[in-house]
């Protein structure tokens, strides 16, 4: 089971394409700056892509809906 689920994420972001763009940019930013918005032990995922998805789900990354 993947956390968070794609259905829950699509209630926050309007399209799958926008979600991929946002998460990939945030994942690269995490690798480059080593900055995380939550303590490392609070993430369920060990990979930066999963951590970026968790940040979107937790509304730590604000997405403008158009």
N, C-alpha and C. Protein backbone atom coordinates (compact mmCIF):
# COMPACT_ATOMS: atom_id res chain seq x y z
N UNK A 1 0.83 -1.18 0.00
CA UNK A 1 0.00 0.00 0.00
C UNK A 1 0.87 1.24 0.00
N UNK A 2 0.54 2.17 -0.83
CA UNK A 2 1.30 3.41 -0.94
C UNK A 2 0.66 4.47 -0.06
N UNK A 3 1.50 5.18 0.68
CA UNK A 3 1.01 6.27 1.51
C UNK A 3 1.65 7.55 1.04
N UNK A 4 0.94 8.59 0.88
CA UNK A 4 -0.51 8.73 0.83
C UNK A 4 -1.06 8.24 -0.50
N UNK A 5 -2.33 7.91 -0.52
CA UNK A 5 -2.91 7.34 -1.74
C UNK A 5 -3.10 8.43 -2.79
N UNK A 6 -3.08 8.02 -4.04
CA UNK A 6 -3.22 8.96 -5.15
C UNK A 6 -4.59 9.64 -5.12
N UNK A 7 -5.61 8.94 -4.68
CA UNK A 7 -6.95 9.54 -4.61
C UNK A 7 -6.99 10.70 -3.63
N UNK A 8 -6.34 10.55 -2.50
CA UNK A 8 -6.31 11.62 -1.51
C UNK A 8 -5.48 12.80 -2.00
N UNK A 9 -4.39 12.51 -2.70
CA UNK A 9 -3.55 13.58 -3.23
C UNK A 9 -4.24 14.37 -4.32
N UNK A 10 -5.06 13.69 -5.12
CA UNK A 10 -5.76 14.39 -6.20
C UNK A 10 -6.89 15.29 -5.70
N UNK A 11 -7.24 15.18 -4.43
CA UNK A 11 -8.18 16.16 -3.87
C UNK A 11 -7.46 17.47 -3.54
N UNK A 12 -6.14 17.41 -3.42
CA UNK A 12 -5.33 18.59 -3.12
C UNK A 12 -4.82 19.23 -4.40
N UNK A 13 -4.34 18.40 -5.32
CA UNK A 13 -3.80 18.86 -6.60
C UNK A 13 -4.76 18.41 -7.70
N UNK A 14 -5.06 19.30 -8.64
CA UNK A 14 -6.08 19.00 -9.65
C UNK A 14 -5.71 17.92 -10.65
N UNK A 15 -4.44 17.82 -11.01
CA UNK A 15 -4.08 16.84 -12.04
C UNK A 15 -2.86 16.02 -11.62
N UNK A 16 -2.78 14.84 -12.19
CA UNK A 16 -1.63 13.97 -11.91
C UNK A 16 -0.35 14.59 -12.41
N UNK A 17 -0.44 15.31 -13.53
CA UNK A 17 0.75 15.92 -14.13
C UNK A 17 1.30 17.02 -13.23
N UNK A 18 0.41 17.83 -12.68
CA UNK A 18 0.84 18.88 -11.75
C UNK A 18 1.45 18.26 -10.50
N UNK A 19 0.86 17.19 -10.03
CA UNK A 19 1.39 16.51 -8.84
C UNK A 19 2.80 15.99 -9.09
N UNK A 20 3.02 15.39 -10.22
CA UNK A 20 4.35 14.87 -10.57
C UNK A 20 5.36 16.01 -10.63
N UNK A 21 4.97 17.12 -11.23
CA UNK A 21 5.87 18.27 -11.36
C UNK A 21 6.23 18.82 -9.98
N UNK A 22 5.24 19.03 -9.14
CA UNK A 22 5.46 19.60 -7.81
C UNK A 22 6.33 18.68 -6.96
N UNK A 23 6.02 17.41 -6.97
CA UNK A 23 6.74 16.45 -6.13
C UNK A 23 8.18 16.26 -6.62
N UNK A 24 8.38 16.24 -7.92
CA UNK A 24 9.74 16.06 -8.43
C UNK A 24 10.60 17.28 -8.09
N UNK A 25 10.04 18.47 -8.19
CA UNK A 25 10.79 19.68 -7.85
C UNK A 25 11.15 19.68 -6.36
N UNK A 26 10.19 19.32 -5.52
CA UNK A 26 10.44 19.30 -4.07
C UNK A 26 11.45 18.22 -3.70
N UNK A 27 11.38 17.08 -4.36
CA UNK A 27 12.32 16.00 -4.10
C UNK A 27 13.75 16.42 -4.43
N UNK A 28 13.92 17.06 -5.56
CA UNK A 28 15.25 17.55 -5.95
C UNK A 28 15.75 18.61 -4.97
N UNK A 29 14.83 19.46 -4.51
CA UNK A 29 15.19 20.49 -3.54
C UNK A 29 15.65 19.85 -2.23
N UNK A 30 14.98 18.79 -1.80
CA UNK A 30 15.38 18.09 -0.57
C UNK A 30 16.78 17.52 -0.70
N UNK A 31 17.08 16.93 -1.84
CA UNK A 31 18.41 16.35 -2.05
C UNK A 31 19.49 17.42 -2.08
N UNK A 32 19.18 18.55 -2.69
CA UNK A 32 20.16 19.62 -2.86
C UNK A 32 20.43 20.37 -1.56
N UNK A 33 19.37 20.70 -0.82
CA UNK A 33 19.52 21.55 0.37
C UNK A 33 19.52 20.77 1.68
N UNK A 34 19.07 19.52 1.63
CA UNK A 34 18.94 18.68 2.82
C UNK A 34 18.01 19.32 3.86
N UNK A 35 16.99 20.05 3.37
CA UNK A 35 16.00 20.70 4.23
C UNK A 35 14.69 19.94 4.13
N UNK A 36 14.16 19.55 5.28
CA UNK A 36 12.89 18.85 5.36
C UNK A 36 11.94 19.65 6.24
N UNK A 37 10.67 19.63 5.92
CA UNK A 37 9.71 20.44 6.66
C UNK A 37 9.21 19.75 7.93
N UNK A 38 9.49 18.50 8.07
CA UNK A 38 9.15 17.75 9.28
C UNK A 38 10.43 17.08 9.77
N UNK A 39 10.45 16.69 11.05
CA UNK A 39 11.60 15.90 11.51
C UNK A 39 11.67 14.58 10.72
N UNK A 40 12.87 14.14 10.45
CA UNK A 40 13.09 12.95 9.62
C UNK A 40 12.33 11.73 10.15
N UNK A 41 12.26 11.57 11.45
CA UNK A 41 11.61 10.37 12.01
C UNK A 41 10.09 10.39 11.89
N UNK A 42 9.50 11.51 11.48
CA UNK A 42 8.05 11.58 11.31
C UNK A 42 7.60 11.17 9.90
N UNK A 43 8.53 11.05 8.96
CA UNK A 43 8.19 10.61 7.61
C UNK A 43 8.02 9.09 7.60
N UNK A 44 7.03 8.63 6.87
CA UNK A 44 6.84 7.18 6.72
C UNK A 44 7.74 6.63 5.63
N UNK A 45 8.03 7.46 4.63
CA UNK A 45 8.84 7.03 3.50
C UNK A 45 10.31 7.34 3.76
N UNK A 46 11.16 6.52 3.19
CA UNK A 46 12.60 6.75 3.31
C UNK A 46 13.16 7.50 2.11
N UNK A 47 12.42 7.52 1.00
CA UNK A 47 12.89 8.19 -0.21
C UNK A 47 12.32 9.60 -0.29
N UNK A 48 13.05 10.47 -0.97
CA UNK A 48 12.63 11.87 -1.03
C UNK A 48 11.34 12.06 -1.82
N UNK A 49 11.09 11.23 -2.81
CA UNK A 49 9.83 11.32 -3.57
C UNK A 49 8.65 11.07 -2.63
N UNK A 50 8.74 10.03 -1.83
CA UNK A 50 7.68 9.71 -0.88
C UNK A 50 7.53 10.79 0.18
N UNK A 51 8.64 11.35 0.61
CA UNK A 51 8.58 12.42 1.60
C UNK A 51 7.93 13.67 1.02
N UNK A 52 8.22 13.96 -0.24
CA UNK A 52 7.58 15.10 -0.89
C UNK A 52 6.08 14.88 -1.03
N UNK A 53 5.67 13.66 -1.34
CA UNK A 53 4.24 13.34 -1.40
C UNK A 53 3.58 13.52 -0.04
N UNK A 54 4.27 13.12 1.01
CA UNK A 54 3.73 13.30 2.35
C UNK A 54 3.58 14.78 2.69
N UNK A 55 4.53 15.60 2.26
CA UNK A 55 4.44 17.03 2.51
C UNK A 55 3.26 17.65 1.78
N UNK A 56 2.99 17.21 0.57
CA UNK A 56 1.82 17.70 -0.16
C UNK A 56 0.56 17.28 0.59
N UNK A 57 0.50 16.05 1.01
CA UNK A 57 -0.67 15.53 1.71
C UNK A 57 -0.91 16.26 3.04
N UNK A 58 0.17 16.62 3.74
CA UNK A 58 0.06 17.30 5.02
C UNK A 58 -0.09 18.82 4.87
N UNK A 59 -0.26 19.29 3.64
CA UNK A 59 -0.43 20.71 3.33
C UNK A 59 0.77 21.55 3.75
N UNK A 60 1.94 20.97 3.71
CA UNK A 60 3.17 21.71 3.97
C UNK A 60 3.66 22.39 2.69
N UNK A 61 3.19 21.92 1.57
CA UNK A 61 3.45 22.55 0.27
C UNK A 61 2.11 23.06 -0.23
N UNK A 62 2.02 24.36 -0.40
CA UNK A 62 0.75 24.96 -0.82
C UNK A 62 0.66 24.96 -2.34
N UNK A 63 -0.45 24.47 -2.84
CA UNK A 63 -0.67 24.33 -4.27
C UNK A 63 -1.81 25.25 -4.67
N UNK A 64 -1.56 26.10 -5.67
CA UNK A 64 -2.61 26.96 -6.19
C UNK A 64 -3.47 26.18 -7.16
N UNK A 65 -4.76 26.14 -6.90
CA UNK A 65 -5.67 25.45 -7.80
C UNK A 65 -6.17 26.45 -8.83
N UNK A 66 -6.15 26.05 -10.06
CA UNK A 66 -6.64 26.93 -11.14
C UNK A 66 -7.76 26.28 -11.87
